[in-house]
């Protein structure tokens, strides 16, 4: 389980955590919790098109930023002495 989480939340080198992915995952969890609170607990009107659009934009932005960061950050390469 630890290896799978490290692979999901690591940067392009698969060695270090990528805080963009960690914060993106936390943001998506907060989005789901607030959605459940607003629609389930408070009884707001739920529009599936608006909710799906908001979730898609959030996940697309998180994925885009993390992929751009993977391509721009060079992996740690060992130096030859």
Protein backbone atom coordinates (compact mmCIF):
# COMPACT_ATOMS: atom_id res chain seq x y z
CA UNK A 1 0.00 0.00 0.00
CA UNK A 2 2.81 2.39 0.89
CA UNK A 3 4.55 1.75 -2.43
CA UNK A 4 1.34 2.38 -4.38
CA UNK A 5 0.71 5.68 -2.57
CA UNK A 6 4.31 6.75 -3.08
CA UNK A 7 4.01 5.99 -6.80
CA UNK A 8 0.77 7.96 -7.10
CA UNK A 9 1.97 11.00 -5.15
CA UNK A 10 5.62 11.09 -6.25
CA UNK A 11 7.29 13.31 -8.80
CA UNK A 12 8.77 12.20 -12.12
CA UNK A 13 11.70 10.46 -10.44
CA UNK A 14 9.41 8.31 -8.24
CA UNK A 15 11.65 9.10 -5.26
CA UNK A 16 10.29 12.27 -3.70
CA UNK A 17 6.76 13.33 -2.88
CA UNK A 18 5.26 15.89 -5.22
CA UNK A 19 3.38 18.36 -3.06
CA UNK A 20 1.27 19.43 -6.03
CA UNK A 21 -0.22 15.95 -6.20
CA UNK A 22 -0.60 15.70 -2.43
CA UNK A 23 -2.38 19.06 -2.21
CA UNK A 24 -4.48 18.18 -5.27
CA UNK A 25 -5.62 14.96 -3.63
CA UNK A 26 -6.44 16.80 -0.41
CA UNK A 27 -8.33 19.44 -2.39
CA UNK A 28 -10.43 16.79 -4.12
CA UNK A 29 -11.26 15.17 -0.77
CA UNK A 30 -12.33 18.58 0.60
CA UNK A 31 -14.45 19.10 -2.53
CA UNK A 32 -16.21 15.78 -1.95
CA UNK A 33 -16.77 16.48 1.76
CA UNK A 34 -18.17 19.95 1.08
CA UNK A 35 -20.39 18.54 -1.67
CA UNK A 36 -21.75 15.90 0.68
CA UNK A 37 -22.35 18.57 3.33
CA UNK A 38 -24.11 20.95 0.95
CA UNK A 39 -26.25 18.42 -0.87
CA UNK A 40 -26.76 15.72 1.74
CA UNK A 41 -26.86 17.54 5.05
CA UNK A 42 -28.09 21.03 4.13
CA UNK A 43 -30.47 19.81 1.41
CA UNK A 44 -29.37 22.12 -1.40
CA UNK A 45 -30.62 21.44 -4.91
CA UNK A 46 -28.19 19.17 -6.73
CA UNK A 47 -27.55 19.80 -10.40
CA UNK A 48 -25.49 16.91 -11.81
CA UNK A 49 -24.22 18.91 -14.79
CA UNK A 50 -22.80 21.71 -12.61
CA UNK A 51 -21.30 19.30 -10.09
CA UNK A 52 -19.70 17.13 -12.77
CA UNK A 53 -18.32 20.20 -14.54
CA UNK A 54 -16.79 21.49 -11.30
CA UNK A 55 -15.26 18.09 -10.50
CA UNK A 56 -13.90 17.75 -14.05
CA UNK A 57 -12.31 21.19 -14.01
CA UNK A 58 -10.76 20.51 -10.60
CA UNK A 59 -9.33 17.13 -11.62
CA UNK A 60 -8.16 18.49 -14.98
CA UNK A 61 -6.33 21.38 -13.33
CA UNK A 62 -4.68 19.10 -10.79
CA UNK A 63 -3.63 16.64 -13.48
CA UNK A 64 -2.38 19.36 -15.81
CA UNK A 65 -0.28 21.07 -13.18
CA UNK A 66 1.24 17.82 -11.96
CA UNK A 67 2.03 16.65 -15.50
CA UNK A 68 3.63 19.98 -16.40
CA UNK A 69 5.68 19.78 -13.22
CA UNK A 70 6.76 16.20 -14.08
CA UNK A 71 8.06 17.37 -17.46
CA UNK A 72 9.82 20.48 -16.17
CA UNK A 73 11.50 19.04 -13.07
CA UNK A 74 14.49 16.90 -13.91
CA UNK A 75 14.82 13.68 -11.93
CA UNK A 76 17.69 13.42 -9.50
CA UNK A 77 20.54 11.85 -11.42
CA UNK A 78 23.62 10.56 -9.72
CA UNK A 79 26.70 12.64 -10.40
CA UNK A 80 29.85 11.00 -11.66
CA UNK A 81 32.80 11.87 -9.39
